All heavy atoms as atom14 arrays in JSON, in Angstrom:
{
  "sequence": "PQVQCLINTYSNQTDPLNVDGILGIRTRAAIRSVQGCNQVSEPAGILV",
  "atom14_mask": [
    [1, 1, 1, 1, 1, 1, 1, 0, 0, 0, 0, 0, 0, 0],
    [1, 1, 1, 1, 1, 1, 1, 1, 1, 0, 0, 0, 0, 0],
    [1, 1, 1, 1, 1, 1, 1, 0, 0, 0, 0, 0, 0, 0],
    [1, 1, 1, 1, 1, 1, 1, 1, 1, 0, 0, 0, 0, 0],
    [1, 1, 1, 1, 1, 1, 0, 0, 0, 0, 0, 0, 0, 0],
    [1, 1, 1, 1, 1, 1, 1, 1, 0, 0, 0, 0, 0, 0],
    [1, 1, 1, 1, 1, 1, 1, 1, 0, 0, 0, 0, 0, 0],
    [1, 1, 1, 1, 1, 1, 1, 1, 0, 0, 0, 0, 0, 0],
    [1, 1, 1, 1, 1, 1, 1, 0, 0, 0, 0, 0, 0, 0],
    [1, 1, 1, 1, 1, 1, 1, 1, 1, 1, 1, 1, 0, 0],
    [1, 1, 1, 1, 1, 1, 0, 0, 0, 0, 0, 0, 0, 0],
    [1, 1, 1, 1, 1, 1, 1, 1, 0, 0, 0, 0, 0, 0],
    [1, 1, 1, 1, 1, 1, 1, 1, 1, 0, 0, 0, 0, 0],
    [1, 1, 1, 1, 1, 1, 1, 0, 0, 0, 0, 0, 0, 0],
    [1, 1, 1, 1, 1, 1, 1, 1, 0, 0, 0, 0, 0, 0],
    [1, 1, 1, 1, 1, 1, 1, 0, 0, 0, 0, 0, 0, 0],
    [1, 1, 1, 1, 1, 1, 1, 1, 0, 0, 0, 0, 0, 0],
    [1, 1, 1, 1, 1, 1, 1, 1, 0, 0, 0, 0, 0, 0],
    [1, 1, 1, 1, 1, 1, 1, 0, 0, 0, 0, 0, 0, 0],
    [1, 1, 1, 1, 1, 1, 1, 1, 0, 0, 0, 0, 0, 0],
    [1, 1, 1, 1, 0, 0, 0, 0, 0, 0, 0, 0, 0, 0],
    [1, 1, 1, 1, 1, 1, 1, 1, 0, 0, 0, 0, 0, 0],
    [1, 1, 1, 1, 1, 1, 1, 1, 0, 0, 0, 0, 0, 0],
    [1, 1, 1, 1, 0, 0, 0, 0, 0, 0, 0, 0, 0, 0],
    [1, 1, 1, 1, 1, 1, 1, 1, 0, 0, 0, 0, 0, 0],
    [1, 1, 1, 1, 1, 1, 1, 1, 1, 1, 1, 0, 0, 0],
    [1, 1, 1, 1, 1, 1, 1, 0, 0, 0, 0, 0, 0, 0],
    [1, 1, 1, 1, 1, 1, 1, 1, 1, 1, 1, 0, 0, 0],
    [1, 1, 1, 1, 1, 0, 0, 0, 0, 0, 0, 0, 0, 0],
    [1, 1, 1, 1, 1, 0, 0, 0, 0, 0, 0, 0, 0, 0],
    [1, 1, 1, 1, 1, 1, 1, 1, 0, 0, 0, 0, 0, 0],
    [1, 1, 1, 1, 1, 1, 1, 1, 1, 1, 1, 0, 0, 0],
    [1, 1, 1, 1, 1, 1, 0, 0, 0, 0, 0, 0, 0, 0],
    [1, 1, 1, 1, 1, 1, 1, 0, 0, 0, 0, 0, 0, 0],
    [1, 1, 1, 1, 1, 1, 1, 1, 1, 0, 0, 0, 0, 0],
    [1, 1, 1, 1, 0, 0, 0, 0, 0, 0, 0, 0, 0, 0],
    [1, 1, 1, 1, 1, 1, 0, 0, 0, 0, 0, 0, 0, 0],
    [1, 1, 1, 1, 1, 1, 1, 1, 0, 0, 0, 0, 0, 0],
    [1, 1, 1, 1, 1, 1, 1, 1, 1, 0, 0, 0, 0, 0],
    [1, 1, 1, 1, 1, 1, 1, 0, 0, 0, 0, 0, 0, 0],
    [1, 1, 1, 1, 1, 1, 0, 0, 0, 0, 0, 0, 0, 0],
    [1, 1, 1, 1, 1, 1, 1, 1, 1, 0, 0, 0, 0, 0],
    [1, 1, 1, 1, 1, 1, 1, 0, 0, 0, 0, 0, 0, 0],
    [1, 1, 1, 1, 1, 0, 0, 0, 0, 0, 0, 0, 0, 0],
    [1, 1, 1, 1, 0, 0, 0, 0, 0, 0, 0, 0, 0, 0],
    [1, 1, 1, 1, 1, 1, 1, 1, 0, 0, 0, 0, 0, 0],
    [1, 1, 1, 1, 1, 1, 1, 1, 0, 0, 0, 0, 0, 0],
    [1, 1, 1, 1, 1, 1, 1, 0, 0, 0, 0, 0, 0, 0]
  ],
  "atom14_positions": [
    [[-48.7, 20.55, -75.53], [-50.06, 21.08, -75.59], [-50.43, 21.56, -76.99], [-51.59, 21.45, -77.41], [-50.06, 22.26, -74.6], [-48.89, 22.06, -73.74], [-47.91, 21.23, -74.49], [0.0, 0.0, 0.0], [0.0, 0.0, 0.0], [0.0, 0.0, 0.0], [0.0, 0.0, 0.0], [0.0, 0.0, 0.0], [0.0, 0.0, 0.0], [0.0, 0.0, 0.0]],
    [[-49.47, 22.08, -77.75], [-49.74, 22.5, -79.12], [-50.18, 21.31, -79.96], [-51.16, 21.39, -80.7], [-48.51, 23.17, -79.74], [-48.72, 23.72, -81.13], [-49.45, 25.04, -81.15], [-49.82, 25.59, -80.12], [-49.68, 25.58, -82.33], [0.0, 0.0, 0.0], [0.0, 0.0, 0.0], [0.0, 0.0, 0.0], [0.0, 0.0, 0.0], [0.0, 0.0, 0.0]],
    [[-49.48, 20.19, -79.83], [-49.85, 18.97, -80.55], [-51.25, 18.53, -80.15], [-52.09, 18.22, -81.01], [-48.82, 17.84, -80.3], [-49.33, 16.5, -80.79], [-47.49, 18.18, -80.94], [0.0, 0.0, 0.0], [0.0, 0.0, 0.0], [0.0, 0.0, 0.0], [0.0, 0.0, 0.0], [0.0, 0.0, 0.0], [0.0, 0.0, 0.0], [0.0, 0.0, 0.0]],
    [[-51.52, 18.5, -78.85], [-52.84, 18.07, -78.37], [-53.94, 18.98, -78.9], [-54.98, 18.5, -79.36], [-52.85, 18.05, -76.83], [-51.95, 17.0, -76.25], [-51.72, 17.16, -74.76], [-51.67, 18.28, -74.24], [-51.56, 16.05, -74.06], [0.0, 0.0, 0.0], [0.0, 0.0, 0.0], [0.0, 0.0, 0.0], [0.0, 0.0, 0.0], [0.0, 0.0, 0.0]],
    [[-53.72, 20.27, -78.88], [-54.72, 21.22, -79.36], [-54.94, 21.07, -80.87], [-56.07, 21.08, -81.34], [-54.27, 22.64, -79.02], [-55.44, 23.92, -79.53], [0.0, 0.0, 0.0], [0.0, 0.0, 0.0], [0.0, 0.0, 0.0], [0.0, 0.0, 0.0], [0.0, 0.0, 0.0], [0.0, 0.0, 0.0], [0.0, 0.0, 0.0], [0.0, 0.0, 0.0]],
    [[-53.86, 20.91, -81.63], [-53.99, 20.74, -83.09], [-54.74, 19.46, -83.43], [-55.57, 19.44, -84.35], [-52.61, 20.75, -83.75], [-51.89, 22.09, -83.75], [-50.44, 21.93, -84.19], [-52.62, 23.1, -84.61], [0.0, 0.0, 0.0], [0.0, 0.0, 0.0], [0.0, 0.0, 0.0], [0.0, 0.0, 0.0], [0.0, 0.0, 0.0], [0.0, 0.0, 0.0]],
    [[-54.49, 18.39, -82.69], [-55.23, 17.14, -82.92], [-56.71, 17.37, -82.64], [-57.56, 16.97, -83.43], [-54.65, 16.0, -82.06], [-53.28, 15.58, -82.61], [-55.61, 14.8, -82.03], [-52.53, 14.59, -81.74], [0.0, 0.0, 0.0], [0.0, 0.0, 0.0], [0.0, 0.0, 0.0], [0.0, 0.0, 0.0], [0.0, 0.0, 0.0], [0.0, 0.0, 0.0]],
    [[-57.03, 18.03, -81.54], [-58.43, 18.31, -81.21], [-59.09, 19.22, -82.24], [-60.28, 19.07, -82.54], [-58.54, 18.96, -79.83], [-58.26, 18.02, -78.7], [-58.24, 16.8, -78.86], [-58.0, 18.57, -77.53], [0.0, 0.0, 0.0], [0.0, 0.0, 0.0], [0.0, 0.0, 0.0], [0.0, 0.0, 0.0], [0.0, 0.0, 0.0], [0.0, 0.0, 0.0]],
    [[-58.35, 20.18, -82.79], [-58.91, 21.19, -83.66], [-59.04, 20.73, -85.11], [-60.07, 20.96, -85.74], [-58.06, 22.48, -83.61], [-57.98, 22.91, -82.26], [-58.68, 23.58, -84.46], [0.0, 0.0, 0.0], [0.0, 0.0, 0.0], [0.0, 0.0, 0.0], [0.0, 0.0, 0.0], [0.0, 0.0, 0.0], [0.0, 0.0, 0.0], [0.0, 0.0, 0.0]],
    [[-58.03, 20.06, -85.64], [-57.99, 19.81, -87.08], [-58.13, 18.35, -87.5], [-58.49, 18.08, -88.63], [-56.7, 20.36, -87.68], [-56.6, 21.85, -87.57], [-55.6, 22.44, -86.82], [-57.53, 22.67, -88.19], [-55.52, 23.82, -86.7], [-57.46, 24.05, -88.08], [-56.46, 24.61, -87.34], [-56.39, 25.97, -87.22], [0.0, 0.0, 0.0], [0.0, 0.0, 0.0]],
    [[-57.83, 17.4, -86.62], [-57.89, 16.0, -87.05], [-59.29, 15.44, -86.84], [-60.12, 16.04, -86.16], [-56.87, 15.15, -86.28], [-57.34, 14.88, -84.98], [0.0, 0.0, 0.0], [0.0, 0.0, 0.0], [0.0, 0.0, 0.0], [0.0, 0.0, 0.0], [0.0, 0.0, 0.0], [0.0, 0.0, 0.0], [0.0, 0.0, 0.0], [0.0, 0.0, 0.0]],
    [[-59.53, 14.29, -87.41], [-60.86, 13.68, -87.3], [-60.99, 12.78, -86.08], [-61.86, 11.93, -86.04], [-61.22, 12.93, -88.59], [-60.29, 11.78, -88.88], [-59.37, 11.5, -88.11], [-60.5, 11.11, -89.99], [0.0, 0.0, 0.0], [0.0, 0.0, 0.0], [0.0, 0.0, 0.0], [0.0, 0.0, 0.0], [0.0, 0.0, 0.0], [0.0, 0.0, 0.0]],
    [[-60.15, 12.97, -85.07], [-60.25, 12.22, -83.83], [-61.59, 12.53, -83.17], [-61.99, 13.68, -83.08], [-59.12, 12.6, -82.87], [-57.74, 12.31, -83.4], [-57.46, 10.83, -83.47], [-57.72, 10.09, -82.54], [-56.95, 10.39, -84.61], [0.0, 0.0, 0.0], [0.0, 0.0, 0.0], [0.0, 0.0, 0.0], [0.0, 0.0, 0.0], [0.0, 0.0, 0.0]],
    [[-62.29, 11.49, -82.73], [-63.61, 11.7, -82.16], [-63.59, 11.93, -80.65], [-64.53, 12.49, -80.11], [-64.54, 10.51, -82.47], [-63.92, 9.33, -81.98], [-64.77, 10.4, -83.97], [0.0, 0.0, 0.0], [0.0, 0.0, 0.0], [0.0, 0.0, 0.0], [0.0, 0.0, 0.0], [0.0, 0.0, 0.0], [0.0, 0.0, 0.0], [0.0, 0.0, 0.0]],
    [[-62.55, 11.49, -79.99], [-62.45, 11.63, -78.54], [-61.39, 12.68, -78.22], [-60.19, 12.41, -78.33], [-62.08, 10.28, -77.91], [-62.2, 10.27, -76.41], [-62.86, 11.17, -75.86], [-61.62, 9.37, -75.78], [0.0, 0.0, 0.0], [0.0, 0.0, 0.0], [0.0, 0.0, 0.0], [0.0, 0.0, 0.0], [0.0, 0.0, 0.0], [0.0, 0.0, 0.0]],
    [[-61.79, 13.9, -77.85], [-60.81, 14.98, -77.63], [-59.8, 14.64, -76.54], [-60.13, 13.97, -75.56], [-61.66, 16.17, -77.22], [-63.07, 15.8, -77.4], [-63.16, 14.33, -77.57], [0.0, 0.0, 0.0], [0.0, 0.0, 0.0], [0.0, 0.0, 0.0], [0.0, 0.0, 0.0], [0.0, 0.0, 0.0], [0.0, 0.0, 0.0], [0.0, 0.0, 0.0]],
    [[-58.59, 15.12, -76.76], [-57.53, 14.96, -75.77], [-57.62, 16.08, -74.74], [-58.07, 17.17, -75.05], [-56.17, 15.04, -76.46], [-55.84, 13.97, -77.48], [-54.57, 14.35, -78.24], [-55.67, 12.62, -76.79], [0.0, 0.0, 0.0], [0.0, 0.0, 0.0], [0.0, 0.0, 0.0], [0.0, 0.0, 0.0], [0.0, 0.0, 0.0], [0.0, 0.0, 0.0]],
    [[-57.16, 15.79, -73.53], [-56.96, 16.86, -72.55], [-55.72, 17.62, -72.99], [-54.69, 17.01, -73.27], [-56.73, 16.29, -71.15], [-57.98, 15.68, -70.57], [-59.09, 16.1, -70.9], [-57.82, 14.68, -69.74], [0.0, 0.0, 0.0], [0.0, 0.0, 0.0], [0.0, 0.0, 0.0], [0.0, 0.0, 0.0], [0.0, 0.0, 0.0], [0.0, 0.0, 0.0]],
    [[-55.82, 18.92, -73.09], [-54.66, 19.73, -73.45], [-53.94, 20.06, -72.15], [-54.12, 21.12, -71.56], [-55.08, 20.99, -74.23], [-53.85, 21.8, -74.63], [-55.89, 20.61, -75.46], [0.0, 0.0, 0.0], [0.0, 0.0, 0.0], [0.0, 0.0, 0.0], [0.0, 0.0, 0.0], [0.0, 0.0, 0.0], [0.0, 0.0, 0.0], [0.0, 0.0, 0.0]],
    [[-53.15, 19.08, -71.7], [-52.5, 19.18, -70.39], [-50.98, 19.12, -70.47], [-50.3, 19.22, -69.45], [-53.02, 18.08, -69.46], [-52.84, 16.68, -70.04], [-52.14, 16.51, -71.06], [-53.43, 15.74, -69.46], [0.0, 0.0, 0.0], [0.0, 0.0, 0.0], [0.0, 0.0, 0.0], [0.0, 0.0, 0.0], [0.0, 0.0, 0.0], [0.0, 0.0, 0.0]],
    [[-50.45, 18.94, -71.67], [-48.99, 18.89, -71.82], [-48.37, 17.56, -71.45], [-47.16, 17.43, -71.45], [0.0, 0.0, 0.0], [0.0, 0.0, 0.0], [0.0, 0.0, 0.0], [0.0, 0.0, 0.0], [0.0, 0.0, 0.0], [0.0, 0.0, 0.0], [0.0, 0.0, 0.0], [0.0, 0.0, 0.0], [0.0, 0.0, 0.0], [0.0, 0.0, 0.0]],
    [[-49.2, 16.57, -71.13], [-48.69, 15.26, -70.74], [-48.67, 14.35, -71.97], [-49.69, 14.15, -72.62], [-49.54, 14.64, -69.62], [-49.46, 15.53, -68.38], [-49.08, 13.2, -69.32], [-50.41, 15.14, -67.28], [0.0, 0.0, 0.0], [0.0, 0.0, 0.0], [0.0, 0.0, 0.0], [0.0, 0.0, 0.0], [0.0, 0.0, 0.0], [0.0, 0.0, 0.0]],
    [[-47.51, 13.81, -72.27], [-47.36, 12.93, -73.42], [-47.66, 11.5, -72.98], [-46.78, 10.65, -72.89], [-45.94, 13.06, -73.99], [-45.67, 12.47, -75.35], [-46.6, 13.06, -76.39], [-44.24, 12.73, -75.75], [0.0, 0.0, 0.0], [0.0, 0.0, 0.0], [0.0, 0.0, 0.0], [0.0, 0.0, 0.0], [0.0, 0.0, 0.0], [0.0, 0.0, 0.0]],
    [[-48.94, 11.28, -72.68], [-49.37, 9.99, -72.17], [-49.82, 9.03, -73.27], [-49.64, 9.29, -74.47], [0.0, 0.0, 0.0], [0.0, 0.0, 0.0], [0.0, 0.0, 0.0], [0.0, 0.0, 0.0], [0.0, 0.0, 0.0], [0.0, 0.0, 0.0], [0.0, 0.0, 0.0], [0.0, 0.0, 0.0], [0.0, 0.0, 0.0], [0.0, 0.0, 0.0]],
    [[-50.41, 7.94, -72.85], [-50.84, 6.88, -73.77], [-51.84, 7.4, -74.79], [-51.71, 7.12, -75.98], [-51.43, 5.7, -72.97], [-50.33, 5.03, -72.12], [-52.07, 4.68, -73.91], [-50.85, 4.02, -71.14], [0.0, 0.0, 0.0], [0.0, 0.0, 0.0], [0.0, 0.0, 0.0], [0.0, 0.0, 0.0], [0.0, 0.0, 0.0], [0.0, 0.0, 0.0]],
    [[-52.85, 8.15, -74.35], [-53.88, 8.64, -75.29], [-53.3, 9.62, -76.3], [-53.65, 9.59, -77.47], [-55.03, 9.3, -74.53], [-55.9, 8.29, -73.79], [-57.18, 8.89, -73.24], [-58.01, 9.39, -74.32], [-58.44, 10.65, -74.41], [-58.14, 11.53, -73.49], [-59.19, 11.03, -75.41], [0.0, 0.0, 0.0], [0.0, 0.0, 0.0], [0.0, 0.0, 0.0]],
    [[-52.41, 10.5, -75.83], [-51.8, 11.47, -76.75], [-50.93, 10.75, -77.76], [-50.99, 11.04, -78.96], [-50.99, 12.53, -75.97], [-51.88, 13.23, -75.09], [-50.31, 13.51, -76.9], [0.0, 0.0, 0.0], [0.0, 0.0, 0.0], [0.0, 0.0, 0.0], [0.0, 0.0, 0.0], [0.0, 0.0, 0.0], [0.0, 0.0, 0.0], [0.0, 0.0, 0.0]],
    [[-50.13, 9.8, -77.3], [-49.28, 9.03, -78.22], [-50.12, 8.27, -79.25], [-49.79, 8.24, -80.43], [-48.41, 8.05, -77.45], [-47.31, 8.69, -76.66], [-46.62, 7.65, -75.75], [-45.63, 8.25, -74.93], [-44.35, 8.36, -75.25], [-43.92, 7.89, -76.4], [-43.51, 8.93, -74.43], [0.0, 0.0, 0.0], [0.0, 0.0, 0.0], [0.0, 0.0, 0.0]],
    [[-51.21, 7.67, -78.79], [-52.09, 6.92, -79.71], [-52.73, 7.87, -80.72], [-52.84, 7.53, -81.91], [-53.16, 6.18, -78.92], [0.0, 0.0, 0.0], [0.0, 0.0, 0.0], [0.0, 0.0, 0.0], [0.0, 0.0, 0.0], [0.0, 0.0, 0.0], [0.0, 0.0, 0.0], [0.0, 0.0, 0.0], [0.0, 0.0, 0.0], [0.0, 0.0, 0.0]],
    [[-53.12, 9.05, -80.29], [-53.73, 10.03, -81.2], [-52.7, 10.51, -82.23], [-53.02, 10.66, -83.41], [-54.29, 11.2, -80.42], [0.0, 0.0, 0.0], [0.0, 0.0, 0.0], [0.0, 0.0, 0.0], [0.0, 0.0, 0.0], [0.0, 0.0, 0.0], [0.0, 0.0, 0.0], [0.0, 0.0, 0.0], [0.0, 0.0, 0.0], [0.0, 0.0, 0.0]],
    [[-51.47, 10.73, -81.81], [-50.4, 11.14, -82.73], [-50.19, 10.05, -83.77], [-50.14, 10.32, -84.98], [-49.09, 11.45, -81.98], [-49.24, 12.71, -81.13], [-47.92, 11.57, -82.95], [-48.13, 12.93, -80.13], [0.0, 0.0, 0.0], [0.0, 0.0, 0.0], [0.0, 0.0, 0.0], [0.0, 0.0, 0.0], [0.0, 0.0, 0.0], [0.0, 0.0, 0.0]],
    [[-50.11, 8.82, -83.33], [-49.89, 7.7, -84.27], [-51.09, 7.54, -85.22], [-50.93, 7.2, -86.38], [-49.61, 6.43, -83.5], [-48.21, 6.5, -82.87], [-47.7, 5.14, -82.44], [-46.32, 5.26, -82.0], [-45.95, 5.53, -80.75], [-46.86, 5.71, -79.82], [-44.68, 5.62, -80.44], [0.0, 0.0, 0.0], [0.0, 0.0, 0.0], [0.0, 0.0, 0.0]],
    [[-52.28, 7.78, -84.72], [-53.47, 7.71, -85.56], [-53.43, 8.79, -86.64], [-53.73, 8.52, -87.82], [-54.72, 7.87, -84.7], [-55.87, 7.9, -85.49], [0.0, 0.0, 0.0], [0.0, 0.0, 0.0], [0.0, 0.0, 0.0], [0.0, 0.0, 0.0], [0.0, 0.0, 0.0], [0.0, 0.0, 0.0], [0.0, 0.0, 0.0], [0.0, 0.0, 0.0]],
    [[-53.06, 10.0, -86.27], [-52.94, 11.1, -87.23], [-51.86, 10.76, -88.27], [-52.06, 10.94, -89.47], [-52.63, 12.43, -86.51], [-52.19, 13.51, -87.5], [-53.83, 12.9, -85.72], [0.0, 0.0, 0.0], [0.0, 0.0, 0.0], [0.0, 0.0, 0.0], [0.0, 0.0, 0.0], [0.0, 0.0, 0.0], [0.0, 0.0, 0.0], [0.0, 0.0, 0.0]],
    [[-50.73, 10.24, -87.8], [-49.66, 9.86, -88.72], [-50.13, 8.77, -89.69], [-49.87, 8.85, -90.89], [-48.44, 9.38, -87.94], [-47.72, 10.47, -87.2], [-46.67, 9.96, -86.23], [-46.79, 8.84, -85.71], [-45.66, 10.76, -85.97], [0.0, 0.0, 0.0], [0.0, 0.0, 0.0], [0.0, 0.0, 0.0], [0.0, 0.0, 0.0], [0.0, 0.0, 0.0]],
    [[-50.82, 7.76, -89.16], [-51.29, 6.67, -90.01], [-52.3, 7.13, -91.04], [-52.21, 6.77, -92.22], [0.0, 0.0, 0.0], [0.0, 0.0, 0.0], [0.0, 0.0, 0.0], [0.0, 0.0, 0.0], [0.0, 0.0, 0.0], [0.0, 0.0, 0.0], [0.0, 0.0, 0.0], [0.0, 0.0, 0.0], [0.0, 0.0, 0.0], [0.0, 0.0, 0.0]],
    [[-53.25, 7.94, -90.62], [-54.28, 8.43, -91.54], [-53.65, 9.28, -92.65], [-54.03, 9.18, -93.81], [-55.32, 9.24, -90.78], [-56.73, 9.74, -91.79], [0.0, 0.0, 0.0], [0.0, 0.0, 0.0], [0.0, 0.0, 0.0], [0.0, 0.0, 0.0], [0.0, 0.0, 0.0], [0.0, 0.0, 0.0], [0.0, 0.0, 0.0], [0.0, 0.0, 0.0]],
    [[-52.68, 10.11, -92.28], [-52.04, 11.01, -93.23], [-50.85, 10.38, -93.95], [-50.19, 11.04, -94.74], [-51.59, 12.29, -92.52], [-52.76, 13.16, -92.13], [-53.26, 13.92, -92.94], [-53.22, 13.03, -90.89], [0.0, 0.0, 0.0], [0.0, 0.0, 0.0], [0.0, 0.0, 0.0], [0.0, 0.0, 0.0], [0.0, 0.0, 0.0], [0.0, 0.0, 0.0]],
    [[-50.56, 9.14, -93.63], [-49.48, 8.37, -94.26], [-48.13, 9.05, -94.14], [-47.41, 9.23, -95.12], [-49.81, 8.08, -95.72], [-51.09, 7.29, -95.87], [-51.52, 7.11, -97.31], [-50.91, 7.63, -98.23], [-52.58, 6.35, -97.51], [0.0, 0.0, 0.0], [0.0, 0.0, 0.0], [0.0, 0.0, 0.0], [0.0, 0.0, 0.0], [0.0, 0.0, 0.0]],
    [[-47.81, 9.47, -92.91], [-46.49, 10.03, -92.64], [-45.83, 9.22, -91.54], [-46.5, 8.56, -90.74], [-46.55, 11.53, -92.21], [-47.15, 12.38, -93.3], [-47.28, 11.71, -90.91], [0.0, 0.0, 0.0], [0.0, 0.0, 0.0], [0.0, 0.0, 0.0], [0.0, 0.0, 0.0], [0.0, 0.0, 0.0], [0.0, 0.0, 0.0], [0.0, 0.0, 0.0]],
    [[-44.52, 9.26, -91.52], [-43.77, 8.59, -90.45], [-42.56, 9.46, -90.13], [-42.18, 10.34, -90.89], [-43.34, 7.19, -90.88], [-42.49, 7.26, -92.01], [0.0, 0.0, 0.0], [0.0, 0.0, 0.0], [0.0, 0.0, 0.0], [0.0, 0.0, 0.0], [0.0, 0.0, 0.0], [0.0, 0.0, 0.0], [0.0, 0.0, 0.0], [0.0, 0.0, 0.0]],
    [[-42.0, 9.19, -88.98], [-40.82, 9.92, -88.52], [-39.7, 8.9, -88.31], [-39.95, 7.71, -88.14], [-41.12, 10.65, -87.21], [-42.23, 11.68, -87.28], [-41.87, 12.91, -88.13], [-40.7, 13.05, -88.55], [-42.79, 13.7, -88.38], [0.0, 0.0, 0.0], [0.0, 0.0, 0.0], [0.0, 0.0, 0.0], [0.0, 0.0, 0.0], [0.0, 0.0, 0.0]],
    [[-38.46, 9.37, -88.3], [-37.34, 8.47, -88.04], [-37.44, 7.83, -86.65], [-38.13, 8.35, -85.78], [-36.11, 9.39, -88.12], [-36.56, 10.6, -88.87], [-38.04, 10.72, -88.6], [0.0, 0.0, 0.0], [0.0, 0.0, 0.0], [0.0, 0.0, 0.0], [0.0, 0.0, 0.0], [0.0, 0.0, 0.0], [0.0, 0.0, 0.0], [0.0, 0.0, 0.0]],
    [[-36.76, 6.73, -86.47], [-36.77, 6.02, -85.19], [-36.39, 6.96, -84.06], [-35.48, 7.78, -84.18], [-35.8, 4.84, -85.24], [0.0, 0.0, 0.0], [0.0, 0.0, 0.0], [0.0, 0.0, 0.0], [0.0, 0.0, 0.0], [0.0, 0.0, 0.0], [0.0, 0.0, 0.0], [0.0, 0.0, 0.0], [0.0, 0.0, 0.0], [0.0, 0.0, 0.0]],
    [[-37.14, 6.86, -82.96], [-36.87, 7.66, -81.78], [-37.57, 9.01, -81.76], [-37.56, 9.7, -80.75], [0.0, 0.0, 0.0], [0.0, 0.0, 0.0], [0.0, 0.0, 0.0], [0.0, 0.0, 0.0], [0.0, 0.0, 0.0], [0.0, 0.0, 0.0], [0.0, 0.0, 0.0], [0.0, 0.0, 0.0], [0.0, 0.0, 0.0], [0.0, 0.0, 0.0]],
    [[-38.18, 9.39, -82.88], [-38.88, 10.68, -82.96], [-40.37, 10.43, -83.05], [-40.84, 9.7, -83.93], [-38.38, 11.52, -84.15], [-36.92, 11.88, -83.93], [-39.23, 12.77, -84.32], [-36.29, 12.64, -85.08], [0.0, 0.0, 0.0], [0.0, 0.0, 0.0], [0.0, 0.0, 0.0], [0.0, 0.0, 0.0], [0.0, 0.0, 0.0], [0.0, 0.0, 0.0]],
    [[-41.12, 11.01, -82.14], [-42.58, 10.87, -82.15], [-43.21, 11.93, -83.05], [-44.08, 11.64, -83.87], [-43.13, 10.97, -80.72], [-44.63, 10.79, -80.56], [-45.06, 9.4, -81.03], [-45.02, 10.99, -79.11], [0.0, 0.0, 0.0], [0.0, 0.0, 0.0], [0.0, 0.0, 0.0], [0.0, 0.0, 0.0], [0.0, 0.0, 0.0], [0.0, 0.0, 0.0]],
    [[-42.8, 13.19, -82.89], [-43.32, 14.28, -83.71], [-42.13, 15.03, -84.3], [-41.31, 15.58, -83.58], [-44.19, 15.26, -82.88], [-44.69, 16.4, -83.75], [-45.35, 14.53, -82.24], [0.0, 0.0, 0.0], [0.0, 0.0, 0.0], [0.0, 0.0, 0.0], [0.0, 0.0, 0.0], [0.0, 0.0, 0.0], [0.0, 0.0, 0.0], [0.0, 0.0, 0.0]]
  ]
}
């Protein structure tokens, strides 16, 4: 939920996520979008 809230609050995502604690398809896509925009990556197997 912290990740979801931070994406809704600070990133330029236009479609807010439900802050429900579920690491679903939309949350994963939003995380990857934030990573891509900010040009960061994580080691294999780590999402955040």
